[in-house]
Amino acid sequence: MAGTGASPLNRAEQFIWLTARVLEQRRFAHHFLAGGADAVETALTAYLNEDGGYGHALEPDLRGPVSQPLHTAHALNVLDSIGRCSGLRVERICRFLTDVSTKEGALPALLPSQRGYPAAPFIPLVDDPPAELLATGPVVGLLHRNAVWHAWLFRATDFCWAAVDALEHSHPYEIEAAVAFLDGAPDRARAEAAADRLGRLVREQRLAVLDPERRAEYPVAAGYAPGEHHFPYDYARTPDSLARRWFTDEELERSLDHLASEQQADGGWPLNWRQWAPGTALEGRPLVTLKALLTLRAHGRSLG
């Protein structure tokens, strides 16, 4: 049991047992308590639909049972984190991605099938949604990083390259999606050149808070919640990310100090995006807490 003077990890563990869904409990146990990968995959399967996609509020801001690209990207991230991003399970996911792609061969953020079910008001629902780097980039990068080969990847990869090359004025989540693509893109020389350009864009447009003590001086992107800033660690979740070179050692360490300090009295980390329903906030905080712990550990921070 965590008590006064407990380590950040012990405090986070109590928060997870208190508030998290079974999936996040299993993920925490796998990453920090030597739990097995099978238990994580079993919990994830509860969100799987017959069409090969994932739904059932796996991504908490989209409610209801229907499969959506954002849910399915979330599932792929979970599988990647436990070393299970391969085989028939991923073949099935790629068939779903093929079925729901736009004429460009890429993914929209939200399919019209969401209509009638609750969803975050900041995710637009339209009848003919366009392909977006935000939805496609992380999926393509992850599949390439895991050496997955599927016909869907060819046009989706071309779409991502074109979208990254066209970025001039952007916002943090789109840049993070671009980084996720570039970190897995097979053409490493092209990826490094593109990442260098995006790094300059991030600094010129002040899309990363380089001094957390002065974060109020940094702009917040249009449509974001007040105070929804992004920091170096949001772009460079691991030391081997191409985004790591965008920041000095001092800038990254300051941001990691800030991330560590954000742990709340209950052991969890807070949400910084717009909260629109009590249940989504309750389900979202364990996800943010897991991401914070994994980020700190990846950068060599002791969790106690």
Protein backbone atom coordinates (compact mmCIF):
# COMPACT_ATOMS: atom_id res chain seq x y z
CA MET A 1 0.00 0.00 0.00
CA ALA A 2 1.19 3.51 -0.81
CA GLY A 3 1.46 5.92 2.06
CA THR A 4 3.28 9.04 3.13
CA GLY A 5 6.64 9.17 1.42
CA ALA A 6 5.68 6.50 -1.14
CA SER A 7 7.51 6.51 -4.45
CA PRO A 8 5.91 8.00 -7.58
CA LEU A 9 5.41 4.48 -8.95
CA ASN A 10 3.72 3.23 -5.78
CA ARG A 11 1.44 6.24 -5.69
CA ALA A 12 0.57 5.72 -9.36
CA GLU A 13 -0.11 2.03 -8.72
CA GLN A 14 -2.70 2.87 -6.08
CA PHE A 15 -4.32 5.34 -8.47
CA ILE A 16 -4.49 2.69 -11.20
CA TRP A 17 -6.09 0.09 -8.93
CA LEU A 18 -8.54 2.70 -7.68
CA THR A 19 -9.69 4.20 -10.96
CA ALA A 20 -8.52 2.38 -14.09
CA ARG A 21 -10.35 0.07 -16.47
CA VAL A 22 -9.26 -3.57 -16.54
CA LEU A 23 -7.19 -2.92 -19.69
CA GLU A 24 -5.14 -0.18 -18.06
CA GLN A 25 -4.74 -2.27 -14.91
CA ARG A 26 -3.37 -5.12 -17.02
CA ARG A 27 -1.09 -2.75 -18.94
CA PHE A 28 0.29 -1.29 -15.73
CA ALA A 29 0.92 -4.77 -14.37
CA HIS A 30 2.71 -5.76 -17.59
CA HIS A 31 4.96 -2.70 -17.73
CA PHE A 32 5.76 -2.30 -14.05
CA LEU A 33 4.87 -5.48 -12.15
CA ALA A 34 6.19 -8.18 -14.52
CA GLY A 35 2.66 -9.11 -15.60
CA GLY A 36 2.13 -11.19 -18.71
CA ALA A 37 1.28 -9.92 -22.18
CA ASP A 38 -1.52 -12.47 -22.60
CA ALA A 39 -3.61 -10.74 -19.95
CA VAL A 40 -3.27 -7.40 -21.74
CA GLU A 41 -4.30 -8.90 -25.06
CA THR A 42 -7.28 -10.65 -23.47
CA ALA A 43 -8.49 -7.37 -21.98
CA LEU A 44 -8.00 -5.60 -25.32
CA THR A 45 -10.06 -8.23 -27.14
CA ALA A 46 -13.16 -7.04 -25.28
CA TYR A 47 -13.08 -3.93 -27.51
CA LEU A 48 -12.74 -5.87 -30.80
CA ASN A 49 -15.64 -5.90 -33.27
CA GLU A 50 -16.51 -8.42 -35.97
CA ASP A 51 -15.29 -6.04 -38.70
CA GLY A 52 -11.73 -6.24 -37.34
CA GLY A 53 -11.80 -2.74 -35.91
CA TYR A 54 -12.09 -1.64 -32.30
CA GLY A 55 -14.82 0.33 -30.55
CA HIS A 56 -16.67 0.42 -27.22
CA ALA A 57 -14.97 3.63 -26.04
CA LEU A 58 -11.46 2.18 -26.18
CA GLU A 59 -10.52 5.80 -26.90
CA PRO A 60 -12.60 7.37 -24.11
CA ASP A 61 -13.68 10.49 -26.01
CA LEU A 62 -15.60 8.35 -28.53
CA ARG A 63 -18.44 6.41 -26.91
CA GLY A 64 -20.58 3.62 -28.31
CA PRO A 65 -19.82 0.24 -29.89
CA VAL A 66 -18.88 1.15 -33.48
CA SER A 67 -15.37 0.65 -34.84
CA GLN A 68 -13.41 3.83 -35.48
CA PRO A 69 -9.88 4.52 -36.76
CA LEU A 70 -8.88 6.25 -33.52
CA HIS A 71 -9.97 3.24 -31.45
CA THR A 72 -8.10 0.91 -33.79
CA ALA A 73 -4.94 3.05 -33.63
CA HIS A 74 -5.19 2.86 -29.85
CA ALA A 75 -5.42 -0.93 -30.06
CA LEU A 76 -2.34 -1.08 -32.28
CA ASN A 77 -0.42 0.99 -29.75
CA VAL A 78 -1.36 -1.43 -27.01
CA LEU A 79 -0.30 -4.42 -29.13
CA ASP A 80 2.97 -2.69 -30.01
CA SER A 81 3.70 -2.01 -26.34
CA ILE A 82 3.45 -5.73 -25.49
CA GLY A 83 5.29 -7.03 -28.56
CA ARG A 84 2.17 -8.47 -30.21
CA CYS A 85 1.93 -6.23 -33.30
CA SER A 86 2.11 -9.05 -35.85
CA GLY A 87 0.34 -12.06 -37.28
CA LEU A 88 -3.34 -12.62 -37.89
CA ARG A 89 -4.49 -10.01 -35.37
CA VAL A 90 -2.73 -7.25 -37.34
CA GLU A 91 -3.76 -8.71 -40.71
CA ARG A 92 -7.34 -8.38 -39.54
CA ILE A 93 -6.77 -4.78 -38.46
CA CYS A 94 -5.24 -3.94 -41.85
CA ARG A 95 -8.33 -5.31 -43.60
CA PHE A 96 -10.47 -3.01 -41.47
CA LEU A 97 -8.20 -0.05 -42.31
CA THR A 98 -8.55 -0.87 -46.00
CA ASP A 99 -12.33 -0.96 -45.74
CA VAL A 100 -12.66 2.42 -44.01
CA SER A 101 -10.01 4.40 -45.91
CA THR A 102 -10.84 7.37 -48.12
CA LYS A 103 -10.23 7.47 -51.86
CA GLU A 104 -6.64 8.57 -51.05
CA GLY A 105 -6.11 5.30 -49.24
CA ALA A 106 -5.75 6.96 -45.84
CA LEU A 107 -7.78 7.26 -42.65
CA PRO A 108 -10.35 9.83 -41.55
CA ALA A 109 -10.41 10.74 -37.89
CA LEU A 110 -14.09 9.87 -37.42
CA LEU A 111 -16.44 7.76 -39.52
CA PRO A 112 -20.11 8.79 -39.93
CA SER A 113 -21.12 5.58 -38.13
CA GLN A 114 -20.41 7.49 -34.90
CA ARG A 115 -23.61 9.47 -35.44
CA GLY A 116 -26.12 8.66 -32.74
CA TYR A 117 -23.49 7.84 -30.13
CA PRO A 118 -21.87 10.35 -27.75
CA ALA A 119 -18.57 11.83 -28.84
CA ALA A 120 -16.32 14.69 -27.81
CA PRO A 121 -17.59 17.94 -29.35
CA PHE A 122 -14.06 18.82 -30.50
CA ILE A 123 -13.94 15.83 -32.91
CA PRO A 124 -15.98 16.92 -35.95
CA LEU A 125 -18.53 14.47 -37.36
CA VAL A 126 -19.25 14.89 -41.08
CA ASP A 127 -20.86 12.69 -43.74
CA ASP A 128 -17.80 12.47 -46.00
CA PRO A 129 -14.78 12.88 -43.70
CA PRO A 130 -11.41 13.67 -45.27
CA ALA A 131 -8.24 11.66 -44.77
CA GLU A 132 -6.08 13.13 -42.02
CA LEU A 133 -2.44 12.83 -41.05
CA LEU A 134 -3.62 12.95 -37.44
CA ALA A 135 -5.35 9.58 -37.83
CA THR A 136 -3.11 7.97 -40.46
CA GLY A 137 0.44 8.92 -39.46
CA PRO A 138 0.69 7.06 -36.14
CA VAL A 139 -0.81 3.88 -37.61
CA VAL A 140 1.48 3.84 -40.66
CA GLY A 141 4.57 4.58 -38.59
CA LEU A 142 3.77 1.86 -36.06
CA LEU A 143 3.13 -0.78 -38.73
CA HIS A 144 6.39 0.04 -40.50
CA ARG A 145 8.29 -0.02 -37.21
CA ASN A 146 6.99 -3.54 -36.64
CA ALA A 147 7.94 -4.63 -40.18
CA VAL A 148 4.31 -5.27 -41.08
CA TRP A 149 3.75 -5.54 -44.83
CA HIS A 150 0.25 -5.12 -46.19
CA ALA A 151 -1.13 -3.64 -49.41
CA TRP A 152 -2.91 -0.91 -47.42
CA LEU A 153 0.43 0.58 -46.42
CA PHE A 154 1.55 1.61 -49.90
CA ARG A 155 -0.98 4.38 -50.56
CA ALA A 156 -1.26 5.28 -46.88
CA THR A 157 2.50 5.82 -46.73
CA ASP A 158 2.39 8.03 -49.84
CA PHE A 159 -0.42 10.04 -48.25
CA CYS A 160 1.63 10.58 -45.09
CA TRP A 161 4.69 11.73 -47.00
CA ALA A 162 2.61 14.23 -48.97
CA ALA A 163 0.90 15.49 -45.82
CA VAL A 164 4.18 15.89 -43.93
CA ASP A 165 5.83 17.66 -46.85
CA ALA A 166 2.89 20.08 -47.05
CA LEU A 167 2.96 21.08 -43.36
CA GLU A 168 3.64 24.77 -42.94
CA HIS A 169 1.32 25.99 -40.19
CA SER A 170 0.33 23.24 -37.80
CA HIS A 171 -0.63 22.40 -34.24
CA PRO A 172 0.90 20.06 -31.65
CA TYR A 173 -1.26 16.98 -32.17
CA GLU A 174 -0.68 17.05 -35.92
CA ILE A 175 3.07 17.42 -35.41
CA GLU A 176 3.05 14.51 -32.96
CA ALA A 177 1.25 12.40 -35.58
CA ALA A 178 3.89 13.39 -38.13
CA VAL A 179 6.67 12.37 -35.73
CA ALA A 180 4.98 9.03 -35.12
CA PHE A 181 5.00 8.44 -38.87
CA LEU A 182 8.59 9.61 -39.38
CA ASP A 183 9.92 7.52 -36.49
CA GLY A 184 8.78 4.39 -38.34
CA ALA A 185 9.10 5.41 -41.99
CA PRO A 186 11.39 3.05 -43.93
CA ASP A 187 13.17 5.85 -45.85
CA ARG A 188 15.32 7.00 -42.95
CA ALA A 189 17.23 9.71 -44.81
CA ARG A 190 14.01 11.31 -46.00
CA ALA A 191 12.50 10.95 -42.53
CA GLU A 192 15.47 12.68 -40.89
CA ALA A 193 15.32 15.57 -43.36
CA ALA A 194 11.58 15.98 -42.85
CA ALA A 195 11.99 15.83 -39.07
CA ASP A 196 14.66 18.52 -39.14
CA ARG A 197 12.28 20.82 -41.02
CA LEU A 198 9.43 20.10 -38.61
CA GLY A 199 11.70 20.77 -35.65
CA ARG A 200 12.42 24.23 -37.00
CA LEU A 201 8.69 24.77 -37.54
CA VAL A 202 7.92 23.73 -33.94
CA ARG A 203 10.42 26.22 -32.58
CA GLU A 204 9.45 29.05 -34.93
CA GLN A 205 5.74 28.64 -34.21
CA ARG A 206 6.37 28.07 -30.48
CA LEU A 207 4.48 24.78 -30.45
CA ALA A 208 6.54 23.41 -27.55
CA VAL A 209 6.89 25.06 -24.15
CA LEU A 210 10.65 25.25 -23.65
CA ASP A 211 10.46 26.84 -20.19
CA PRO A 212 7.62 25.36 -18.10
CA GLU A 213 7.86 28.20 -15.58
CA ARG A 214 6.87 30.62 -18.36
CA ARG A 215 4.31 28.44 -20.11
CA ALA A 216 1.62 31.13 -19.87
CA GLU A 217 3.67 33.10 -22.40
CA TYR A 218 3.34 30.37 -25.03
CA PRO A 219 0.34 30.31 -27.40
CA VAL A 220 -2.34 27.64 -27.23
CA ALA A 221 -3.54 26.30 -30.58
CA ALA A 222 -6.98 27.27 -31.83
CA GLY A 223 -9.65 24.94 -30.49
CA TYR A 224 -7.48 23.62 -27.67
CA ALA A 225 -8.49 23.96 -24.05
CA PRO A 226 -7.03 26.82 -21.99
CA GLY A 227 -3.59 25.73 -20.81
CA GLU A 228 -3.43 22.79 -23.24
CA HIS A 229 0.27 23.29 -23.86
CA HIS A 230 2.67 20.71 -25.24
CA PHE A 231 6.22 20.12 -24.05
CA PRO A 232 9.37 18.54 -25.50
CA TYR A 233 8.47 15.14 -24.02
CA ASP A 234 5.14 15.19 -25.91
CA TYR A 235 7.07 15.07 -29.18
CA ALA A 236 10.04 12.96 -28.06
CA ARG A 237 8.43 10.22 -25.97
CA THR A 238 11.61 8.16 -26.22
CA PRO A 239 15.27 9.16 -26.56
CA ASP A 240 15.50 7.54 -30.01
CA SER A 241 12.66 9.60 -31.51
CA LEU A 242 13.68 11.93 -34.33
CA ALA A 243 12.07 14.73 -32.31
CA ARG A 244 14.69 14.34 -29.56
CA ARG A 245 17.18 16.39 -31.59
CA TRP A 246 14.79 19.33 -31.66
CA PHE A 247 15.56 20.16 -28.04
CA THR A 248 18.68 20.76 -25.99
CA ASP A 249 19.44 18.51 -23.04
CA GLU A 250 18.47 21.34 -20.73
CA GLU A 251 15.14 21.92 -22.48
CA LEU A 252 14.23 18.24 -22.37
CA GLU A 253 15.27 17.83 -18.74
CA ARG A 254 13.23 20.87 -17.71
CA SER A 255 10.21 19.40 -19.44
CA LEU A 256 10.71 16.03 -17.73
CA ASP A 257 11.01 17.79 -14.37
CA HIS A 258 7.69 19.43 -15.15
CA LEU A 259 6.11 16.11 -16.14
CA ALA A 260 7.25 14.47 -12.91
CA SER A 261 5.91 17.39 -10.88
CA GLU A 262 2.46 17.05 -12.44
CA GLN A 263 1.68 13.88 -10.49
CA GLN A 264 -1.34 14.69 -8.35
CA ALA A 265 -2.01 13.94 -4.69
CA ASP A 266 -4.06 10.87 -5.65
CA GLY A 267 -1.10 9.41 -7.58
CA GLY A 268 -2.41 10.07 -11.07
CA TRP A 269 -1.60 12.65 -13.71
CA PRO A 270 -4.16 15.26 -14.84
CA LEU A 271 -5.81 15.71 -18.22
CA ASN A 272 -4.94 18.93 -19.99
CA TRP A 273 -7.46 18.73 -22.82
CA ARG A 274 -11.09 19.78 -22.77
CA GLN A 275 -13.21 17.60 -20.50
CA TRP A 276 -16.80 17.17 -21.63
CA ALA A 277 -18.20 14.25 -19.59
CA PRO A 278 -17.34 12.83 -16.14
CA GLY A 279 -16.82 9.26 -17.37
CA THR A 280 -14.39 10.21 -20.11
CA ALA A 281 -12.23 12.15 -17.68
CA LEU A 282 -12.25 9.25 -15.22
CA GLU A 283 -11.17 6.80 -17.94
CA GLY A 284 -8.68 9.20 -19.49
CA ARG A 285 -6.55 9.89 -16.44
CA PRO A 286 -5.18 6.34 -16.08
CA LEU A 287 -4.18 6.48 -19.75
CA VAL A 288 -2.34 9.76 -19.19
CA THR A 289 -0.76 8.32 -16.05
CA LEU A 290 0.57 5.27 -17.91
CA LYS A 291 1.96 7.49 -20.67
CA ALA A 292 3.69 9.75 -18.13
CA LEU A 293 5.28 6.80 -16.32
CA LEU A 294 6.48 5.21 -19.54
CA THR A 295 7.87 8.51 -20.81
CA LEU A 296 9.77 9.21 -17.61
CA ARG A 297 11.18 5.70 -17.53
CA ALA A 298 12.17 5.80 -21.21
CA HIS A 299 14.21 8.93 -20.53
CA GLY A 300 15.98 7.33 -17.59
CA ARG A 301 14.06 8.93 -14.75
CA SER A 302 13.82 6.87 -11.56
CA LEU A 303 10.24 6.14 -10.47
CA GLY A 304 11.32 4.76 -7.09
